Amino acid sequence: MKIRESILSAAMLALTLSWGQSVLADDNSPLGQRPQPWQRRDEPILSARTTKQSWCRVVCYSPHVIHHNGKFRMWYLGTSEASRTNNMVMGYAESDDGIQWQEHPGNPVLTGDDIPWGVPVQTPFVKHDAVTGQFRMWFVSGDGVSRDAKNKIIGNDQRLGHATSTDGIHWVVDPQPLYPCGRSPSVTQIAANDYRMWMGSRPDHNTINGDLYANIYEFHSTDGLKWIRGAKPVLQPRTGARSVVYPFVIREGNAWYMWHGCHIDGGTFELFCAQSKDGTNWHVDHTQPAFPVAEGNQRFDSRYASTPCIVRVDNRLLMYYSARDWQREYIDAEGRTRRDGASVYAGIGVAELKLTK
C-alpha cells in the first residue's frame, strides 16, 4: 500500500511540476511553440535614428496598434531630450499595410501639458468603442521617476489614466487618475458592462521599490473607469527571469495568452508568453522565450525585445514591439554625446505569425 501511495505521490508531483509545459503541449497552434514562429523584419518600421521628426530623435518606443476601418493606427512614445527622462510624449502614425507608416505631421499628439495630474506619457493602450464612436485610451502618468543627488531613485510615481478622442489625435484626459499604481495596462471588454485588465502594480502602493516590475495583477471593472484589483498577483518572475512587465493579453480559441517582458541575466530583455484557460490562472516557463532577442549584436533588436502589442488581421497575428541594440552612445537634443549603459529604445519592430485557422 505504501509503495502504491509513493508511486501516486510521485506521479502527482511530476504532474504539478510539468503543468506549465503540459498546457502548452496540448496547444497544437503556433502559439504553443517555444519560441513561437514569428517572422520578424530585418529593419525597424519606425526609428529614432532615421525619423525626420524632431520630437523622437533619441527614444522611439512603446507602440500600440489597432486595425480600424481598414487602416492601421499606431500610438507610440518618444523624446529627444535624453534616453531616460520624464519628458516622454506620444505621437501618432497611420499605415495601409501595417509595415509602411506615415508619421502624423502634428506630432506629438499628447504631452504632459495635456495631463492635469501627471508629466510623462507612458504605455498607452487604445481601443475603439463602437457604441460611442470614440477612441478610449488607458495610459500611465504621474510625477514619474525622481532621483537624489547621487542618482538614486527616491520616487517612482506611475498611475493609471484614461482619455477619449473622436479621431485618435486630439485627446481629452480625465481630470483624475483611475488607479494609484500601475504600469502597462492591457484592457479587454468582455461584454457591455464587463472589462478585464492586466497591469503591473505594486502589492503596496506606497513603496518605491522594484515591485512595480515584478507583479502583474488582474483587474475588473463595469465601465473601464473604476477598477478592482485581484487580491494576489497572477504572474511573477519564475526561474530564468528577474522581472515581469508589459503584459499584453488576447483570447485566441479557448485559451488566453499573455505576452510579457522579462529582464534576463546578461543584460537582455526578451518576450515570454503565458497561457491560461480562464485569464486568471496562468502558466509560463520563463526559461523558454516566445520571442527572443535577435541573433547578432548589429541587429536593432539584439538586446531588448519589449512592450509587445498583438494585432489580429484575418488568419495572422502582427506583433509590434520596442527594441534596443547594443549601441550605448547617443546624441541628445543639445547635440551632446551621452551614454546609456543599457542602450536606448531607438526602434519599433514588427513580426508576423500565421495561424493554423
Protein backbone atom coordinates (compact mmCIF):
# COMPACT_ATOMS: atom_id res chain seq x y z
CA MET A 1 0.00 0.00 0.00
CA LYS A 2 2.82 2.38 0.88
CA ILE A 3 4.51 1.59 -2.45
CA ARG A 4 1.31 2.45 -4.35
CA GLU A 5 0.95 5.70 -2.35
CA SER A 6 4.55 6.62 -3.13
CA ILE A 7 4.03 5.99 -6.84
CA LEU A 8 0.86 8.07 -6.80
CA SER A 9 2.59 10.91 -4.92
CA ALA A 10 5.47 10.90 -7.39
CA ALA A 11 3.04 11.00 -10.30
CA MET A 12 1.15 13.91 -8.79
CA LEU A 13 4.41 15.76 -8.15
CA ALA A 14 5.51 15.21 -11.76
CA LEU A 15 2.15 16.49 -12.99
CA THR A 16 2.44 19.56 -10.80
CA LEU A 17 5.98 20.33 -11.96
CA SER A 18 5.11 19.90 -15.63
CA TRP A 19 1.74 21.65 -15.55
CA GLY A 20 3.00 24.77 -17.28
CA GLN A 21 4.57 22.70 -20.06
CA SER A 22 1.58 20.35 -20.38
CA VAL A 23 -0.79 23.21 -21.07
CA LEU A 24 1.41 24.33 -23.92
CA ALA A 25 1.91 20.79 -25.17
CA ASP A 26 -1.86 20.42 -25.64
CA ASP A 27 -1.88 23.54 -27.80
CA ASN A 28 -1.15 22.46 -31.37
CA SER A 29 -1.23 26.02 -32.71
CA PRO A 30 1.94 28.05 -33.39
CA LEU A 31 1.25 29.86 -30.11
CA GLY A 32 2.15 26.70 -28.22
CA GLN A 33 5.67 26.53 -29.67
CA ARG A 34 8.76 27.91 -27.94
CA PRO A 35 9.99 30.03 -29.47
CA GLN A 36 6.88 30.91 -31.41
CA PRO A 37 7.44 31.00 -35.19
CA TRP A 38 7.33 34.77 -35.62
CA GLN A 39 8.80 36.14 -38.84
CA ARG A 40 10.42 39.45 -37.97
CA ARG A 41 11.53 42.19 -40.31
CA ASP A 42 15.22 42.99 -40.54
CA GLU A 43 14.75 46.73 -40.00
CA PRO A 44 12.57 48.78 -37.67
CA ILE A 45 9.38 50.27 -39.09
CA LEU A 46 9.96 53.48 -37.10
CA SER A 47 13.30 54.60 -35.71
CA ALA A 48 14.69 57.49 -33.68
CA ARG A 49 17.81 57.31 -35.86
CA THR A 50 16.02 57.81 -39.17
CA THR A 51 12.96 59.90 -38.31
CA LYS A 52 12.66 63.40 -39.73
CA GLN A 53 10.51 64.50 -36.78
CA SER A 54 12.33 66.36 -34.04
CA TRP A 55 10.34 65.10 -31.04
CA CYS A 56 11.59 61.47 -31.04
CA ARG A 57 15.23 61.52 -32.16
CA VAL A 58 16.56 59.79 -29.05
CA VAL A 59 13.78 57.44 -27.96
CA CYS A 60 11.10 55.85 -30.15
CA TYR A 61 9.18 53.05 -28.44
CA SER A 62 6.06 51.60 -26.75
CA PRO A 63 3.80 51.19 -29.80
CA HIS A 64 0.11 50.44 -29.51
CA VAL A 65 -1.53 49.49 -32.81
CA ILE A 66 -5.12 48.77 -33.80
CA HIS A 67 -6.65 47.91 -37.18
CA HIS A 68 -9.74 50.08 -37.60
CA ASN A 69 -11.82 50.83 -40.71
CA GLY A 70 -9.22 49.22 -42.98
CA LYS A 71 -6.35 51.31 -41.62
CA PHE A 72 -3.61 50.58 -39.12
CA ARG A 73 -3.28 53.23 -36.43
CA MET A 74 -0.32 53.50 -34.08
CA TRP A 75 0.23 55.50 -30.91
CA TYR A 76 3.84 55.48 -29.74
CA LEU A 77 6.17 57.32 -27.40
CA GLY A 78 9.34 59.29 -27.83
CA THR A 79 11.66 62.05 -26.71
CA SER A 80 14.67 63.96 -27.99
CA GLU A 81 15.80 65.11 -24.55
CA ALA A 82 17.60 62.04 -23.17
CA SER A 83 17.31 58.27 -23.04
CA ARG A 84 15.85 58.48 -19.53
CA THR A 85 13.58 61.43 -18.86
CA ASN A 86 10.13 62.26 -17.54
CA ASN A 87 9.57 64.37 -20.66
CA MET A 88 8.06 61.45 -22.61
CA VAL A 89 5.33 62.35 -25.12
CA MET A 90 3.06 60.49 -27.54
CA GLY A 91 2.91 60.53 -31.33
CA TYR A 92 0.55 59.06 -33.91
CA ALA A 93 1.10 57.31 -37.26
CA GLU A 94 -1.06 55.58 -39.87
CA SER A 95 -0.47 52.75 -42.33
CA ASP A 96 -2.36 50.92 -45.06
CA ASP A 97 -0.44 47.66 -44.66
CA GLY A 98 0.96 47.77 -41.12
CA ILE A 99 4.52 47.99 -42.46
CA GLN A 100 4.95 51.38 -44.15
CA TRP A 101 3.97 54.16 -41.75
CA GLN A 102 3.21 57.85 -42.14
CA GLU A 103 4.02 59.87 -39.05
CA HIS A 104 1.37 62.48 -38.22
CA PRO A 105 2.75 65.92 -39.19
CA GLY A 106 1.33 67.46 -36.00
CA ASN A 107 3.19 65.15 -33.62
CA PRO A 108 3.34 64.90 -30.69
CA VAL A 109 -0.41 64.50 -30.07
CA LEU A 110 -0.26 64.14 -26.26
CA THR A 111 2.23 65.66 -23.80
CA GLY A 112 2.47 66.33 -20.09
CA ASP A 113 0.80 69.70 -20.71
CA ASP A 114 -2.39 67.78 -21.53
CA ILE A 115 -2.41 65.76 -18.29
CA PRO A 116 -3.79 67.61 -15.23
CA TRP A 117 -2.16 65.23 -12.75
CA GLY A 118 0.98 63.92 -14.49
CA VAL A 119 4.10 64.64 -16.51
CA PRO A 120 5.26 61.73 -18.72
CA VAL A 121 3.07 59.73 -21.07
CA GLN A 122 3.75 56.01 -20.71
CA THR A 123 2.46 52.65 -22.01
CA PRO A 124 -0.69 53.68 -23.96
CA PHE A 125 -3.41 51.13 -24.70
CA VAL A 126 -6.13 52.20 -27.16
CA LYS A 127 -9.40 50.64 -28.28
CA HIS A 128 -12.25 51.95 -30.40
CA ASP A 129 -15.66 51.96 -28.73
CA ALA A 130 -18.23 51.08 -31.38
CA VAL A 131 -21.12 52.29 -29.19
CA THR A 132 -19.82 55.82 -28.59
CA GLY A 133 -17.73 56.04 -31.77
CA GLN A 134 -14.79 57.26 -29.69
CA PHE A 135 -11.28 56.02 -29.08
CA ARG A 136 -10.54 55.20 -25.45
CA MET A 137 -7.02 55.18 -24.09
CA TRP A 138 -5.68 53.81 -20.85
CA PHE A 139 -2.16 55.01 -20.10
CA VAL A 140 0.26 55.68 -17.27
CA SER A 141 1.46 59.03 -15.95
CA GLY A 142 2.19 60.78 -12.66
CA ASP A 143 5.29 62.51 -11.32
CA GLY A 144 7.49 59.88 -12.96
CA VAL A 145 10.88 58.84 -11.63
CA SER A 146 12.71 61.14 -9.22
CA ARG A 147 16.34 60.78 -8.08
CA ASP A 148 18.57 62.22 -5.39
CA ALA A 149 21.93 63.95 -5.88
CA LYS A 150 23.64 60.56 -6.19
CA ASN A 151 21.22 59.46 -8.93
CA LYS A 152 19.48 57.00 -6.60
CA ILE A 153 15.76 56.54 -7.30
CA ILE A 154 13.76 58.02 -4.45
CA GLY A 155 10.36 58.08 -6.12
CA ASN A 156 8.54 56.31 -8.95
CA ASP A 157 5.03 57.70 -9.30
CA GLN A 158 3.11 55.89 -12.03
CA ARG A 159 -0.69 55.99 -12.04
CA LEU A 160 -3.33 54.69 -14.43
CA GLY A 161 -5.08 57.34 -16.50
CA HIS A 162 -7.85 57.47 -19.11
CA ALA A 163 -8.55 59.68 -22.12
CA THR A 164 -11.00 59.83 -25.02
CA SER A 165 -10.77 61.06 -28.59
CA THR A 166 -13.02 61.29 -31.64
CA ASP A 167 -10.17 60.97 -34.13
CA GLY A 168 -7.27 59.37 -32.21
CA ILE A 169 -5.29 62.60 -32.48
CA HIS A 170 -6.99 65.12 -30.20
CA TRP A 171 -7.33 63.69 -26.69
CA VAL A 172 -9.28 64.74 -23.61
CA VAL A 173 -7.66 63.39 -20.45
CA ASP A 174 -9.80 62.59 -17.41
CA PRO A 175 -9.13 65.08 -14.60
CA GLN A 176 -8.11 62.42 -12.08
CA PRO A 177 -6.16 59.14 -12.34
CA LEU A 178 -8.09 55.88 -12.18
CA TYR A 179 -5.70 53.84 -10.05
CA PRO A 180 -2.76 54.84 -7.82
CA CYS A 181 -0.13 52.41 -9.04
CA GLY A 182 0.30 50.81 -12.44
CA ARG A 183 2.44 50.07 -15.45
CA SER A 184 1.36 48.96 -18.94
CA PRO A 185 -2.41 48.27 -18.89
CA SER A 186 -3.88 45.63 -21.21
CA VAL A 187 -7.67 46.01 -21.40
CA THR A 188 -10.30 43.63 -22.78
CA GLN A 189 -14.03 44.27 -22.93
CA ILE A 190 -15.90 41.01 -22.41
CA ALA A 191 -19.42 42.45 -22.53
CA ALA A 192 -21.17 45.83 -22.26
CA ASN A 193 -20.52 46.08 -18.52
CA ASP A 194 -17.62 43.70 -18.13
CA TYR A 195 -13.99 44.83 -18.51
CA ARG A 196 -10.84 42.94 -17.57
CA MET A 197 -7.38 44.41 -17.33
CA TRP A 198 -3.93 43.01 -16.65
CA MET A 199 -1.35 45.51 -15.44
CA GLY A 200 1.86 45.70 -13.45
CA SER A 201 1.26 47.04 -9.94
CA ARG A 202 2.94 47.11 -6.54
CA PRO A 203 1.49 44.97 -3.75
CA ASP A 204 1.92 48.05 -1.55
CA HIS A 205 1.10 51.26 -3.42
CA ASN A 206 3.27 53.35 -1.08
CA THR A 207 6.59 51.59 -1.68
CA ILE A 208 9.09 52.79 -4.28
CA ASN A 209 10.99 49.54 -4.81
CA GLY A 210 11.04 47.39 -7.92
CA ASP A 211 7.82 45.53 -7.11
CA LEU A 212 6.09 47.50 -9.88
CA TYR A 213 8.12 45.45 -12.36
CA ALA A 214 7.68 42.07 -10.66
CA ASN A 215 3.93 41.72 -10.15
CA ILE A 216 1.17 41.57 -12.76
CA TYR A 217 -2.37 41.75 -11.41
CA GLU A 218 -5.80 41.15 -12.90
CA PHE A 219 -8.38 43.93 -12.55
CA HIS A 220 -12.15 44.04 -13.12
CA SER A 221 -14.47 46.93 -13.98
CA THR A 222 -18.02 47.54 -15.17
CA ASP A 223 -17.17 50.69 -17.11
CA GLY A 224 -13.40 50.72 -17.69
CA LEU A 225 -13.02 53.55 -15.16
CA LYS A 226 -13.47 52.12 -11.68
CA TRP A 227 -11.13 49.18 -11.30
CA ILE A 228 -10.97 46.47 -8.62
CA ARG A 229 -7.64 44.67 -8.33
CA GLY A 230 -7.36 40.97 -7.54
CA ALA A 231 -6.03 40.02 -4.13
CA LYS A 232 -2.84 38.41 -5.43
CA PRO A 233 -0.60 38.82 -8.49
CA VAL A 234 -1.45 36.48 -11.36
CA LEU A 235 2.12 36.48 -12.66
CA GLN A 236 5.53 36.92 -11.06
CA PRO A 237 9.09 36.12 -12.22
CA ARG A 238 10.00 32.47 -12.27
CA THR A 239 13.31 30.69 -12.79
CA GLY A 240 15.17 32.40 -15.61
CA ALA A 241 13.58 35.85 -15.23
CA ARG A 242 14.25 38.83 -12.97
CA SER A 243 11.07 40.78 -13.77
CA VAL A 244 7.64 40.59 -15.40
CA VAL A 245 6.39 43.73 -17.10
CA TYR A 246 4.47 45.00 -20.17
CA PRO A 247 1.65 42.43 -20.34
CA PHE A 248 -0.46 42.20 -23.48
CA VAL A 249 -3.38 39.77 -23.36
CA ILE A 250 -5.55 38.30 -26.11
CA ARG A 251 -8.04 35.46 -26.28
CA GLU A 252 -7.45 33.04 -29.14
CA GLY A 253 -9.71 29.99 -29.42
CA ASN A 254 -10.34 28.52 -25.98
CA ALA A 255 -7.22 29.97 -24.38
CA TRP A 256 -5.88 33.28 -23.13
CA TYR A 257 -2.34 34.36 -23.98
CA MET A 258 -0.26 36.95 -22.16
CA TRP A 259 2.89 38.19 -23.84
CA HIS A 260 5.14 39.98 -21.37
CA GLY A 261 8.76 41.04 -21.00
CA CYS A 262 11.42 39.81 -18.60
CA HIS A 263 14.90 41.01 -17.76
CA ILE A 264 17.36 38.17 -18.29
CA ASP A 265 20.84 37.69 -16.85
CA GLY A 266 23.43 39.09 -19.23
CA GLY A 267 21.67 42.38 -19.89
CA THR A 268 19.00 41.28 -22.36
CA PHE A 269 15.22 41.62 -22.23
CA GLU A 270 13.02 39.04 -24.01
CA LEU A 271 9.33 38.33 -24.52
CA PHE A 272 7.60 35.33 -22.97
CA CYS A 273 4.07 34.06 -23.40
CA ALA A 274 1.92 32.75 -20.55
CA GLN A 275 -1.19 30.70 -21.24
CA SER A 276 -4.43 30.40 -19.31
CA LYS A 277 -7.82 28.73 -19.63
CA ASP A 278 -9.61 31.48 -17.69
CA GLY A 279 -7.39 34.57 -17.77
CA THR A 280 -6.70 34.25 -14.05
CA ASN A 281 -4.56 31.15 -13.58
CA TRP A 282 -1.52 31.49 -15.80
CA HIS A 283 1.18 29.02 -16.77
CA VAL A 284 4.57 30.00 -18.16
CA ASP A 285 8.12 28.73 -18.42
CA HIS A 286 10.49 31.67 -18.02
CA THR A 287 13.40 29.65 -19.36
CA GLN A 288 11.82 29.46 -22.82
CA PRO A 289 11.11 32.81 -24.51
CA ALA A 290 8.34 33.05 -27.07
CA PHE A 291 10.08 35.92 -28.87
CA PRO A 292 13.80 36.11 -28.03
CA VAL A 293 16.13 38.91 -28.99
CA ALA A 294 17.60 38.67 -32.47
CA GLU A 295 20.95 37.00 -33.02
CA GLY A 296 23.90 39.19 -33.89
CA ASN A 297 24.88 42.32 -31.99
CA GLN A 298 24.32 44.56 -35.00
CA ARG A 299 20.59 43.90 -35.14
CA PHE A 300 18.31 46.72 -33.96
CA ASP A 301 16.55 44.24 -31.63
CA SER A 302 19.58 42.26 -30.44
CA ARG A 303 19.44 43.42 -26.80
CA TYR A 304 15.78 44.23 -25.98
CA ALA A 305 12.53 42.96 -27.48
CA SER A 306 9.91 44.69 -25.34
CA THR A 307 6.41 46.25 -24.94
CA PRO A 308 4.52 43.77 -27.16
CA CYS A 309 1.29 44.74 -28.93
CA ILE A 310 -0.59 42.00 -30.80
CA VAL A 311 -3.00 42.71 -33.67
CA ARG A 312 -5.01 40.01 -35.43
CA VAL A 313 -5.70 40.54 -39.13
CA ASP A 314 -7.51 37.64 -40.81
CA ASN A 315 -5.52 34.46 -40.10
CA ARG A 316 -2.33 36.10 -38.90
CA LEU A 317 -1.01 37.98 -35.91
CA LEU A 318 1.19 41.03 -36.09
CA MET A 319 3.40 41.85 -33.12
CA TYR A 320 4.63 45.41 -32.73
CA TYR A 321 7.42 45.79 -30.20
CA SER A 322 10.10 48.13 -28.85
CA ALA A 323 13.76 47.33 -29.46
CA ARG A 324 17.23 48.11 -28.21
CA ASP A 325 20.55 47.18 -29.73
CA TRP A 326 23.97 47.27 -28.01
CA GLN A 327 24.86 50.83 -29.02
CA ARG A 328 25.26 52.77 -25.77
CA GLU A 329 26.07 56.25 -27.07
CA TYR A 330 23.53 58.69 -28.47
CA ILE A 331 23.17 62.38 -29.28
CA ASP A 332 20.75 64.40 -27.15
CA ALA A 333 18.63 67.40 -28.16
CA GLU A 334 21.51 69.80 -27.46
CA GLY A 335 23.92 67.89 -29.67
CA ARG A 336 25.87 66.35 -26.79
CA THR A 337 27.15 62.78 -26.94
CA ARG A 338 25.75 60.86 -24.00
CA ARG A 339 25.87 57.28 -22.82
CA ASP A 340 23.28 54.83 -21.52
CA GLY A 341 24.74 51.58 -20.22
CA ALA A 342 21.55 49.67 -21.05
CA SER A 343 21.41 51.26 -24.54
CA VAL A 344 18.39 53.14 -25.89
CA TYR A 345 14.89 52.27 -27.02
CA ALA A 346 15.53 53.60 -30.52
CA GLY A 347 13.30 51.50 -32.77
CA ILE A 348 9.91 49.85 -33.23
CA GLY A 349 9.79 46.47 -34.93
CA VAL A 350 7.08 44.22 -36.33
CA ALA A 351 6.83 40.44 -36.72
CA GLU A 352 4.20 38.20 -38.27
CA LEU A 353 2.84 34.85 -37.15
CA LYS A 354 0.48 32.83 -39.34
CA LEU A 355 -2.26 30.95 -37.52
CA THR A 356 -3.47 27.50 -38.46
CA LYS A 357 -7.06 28.70 -38.71
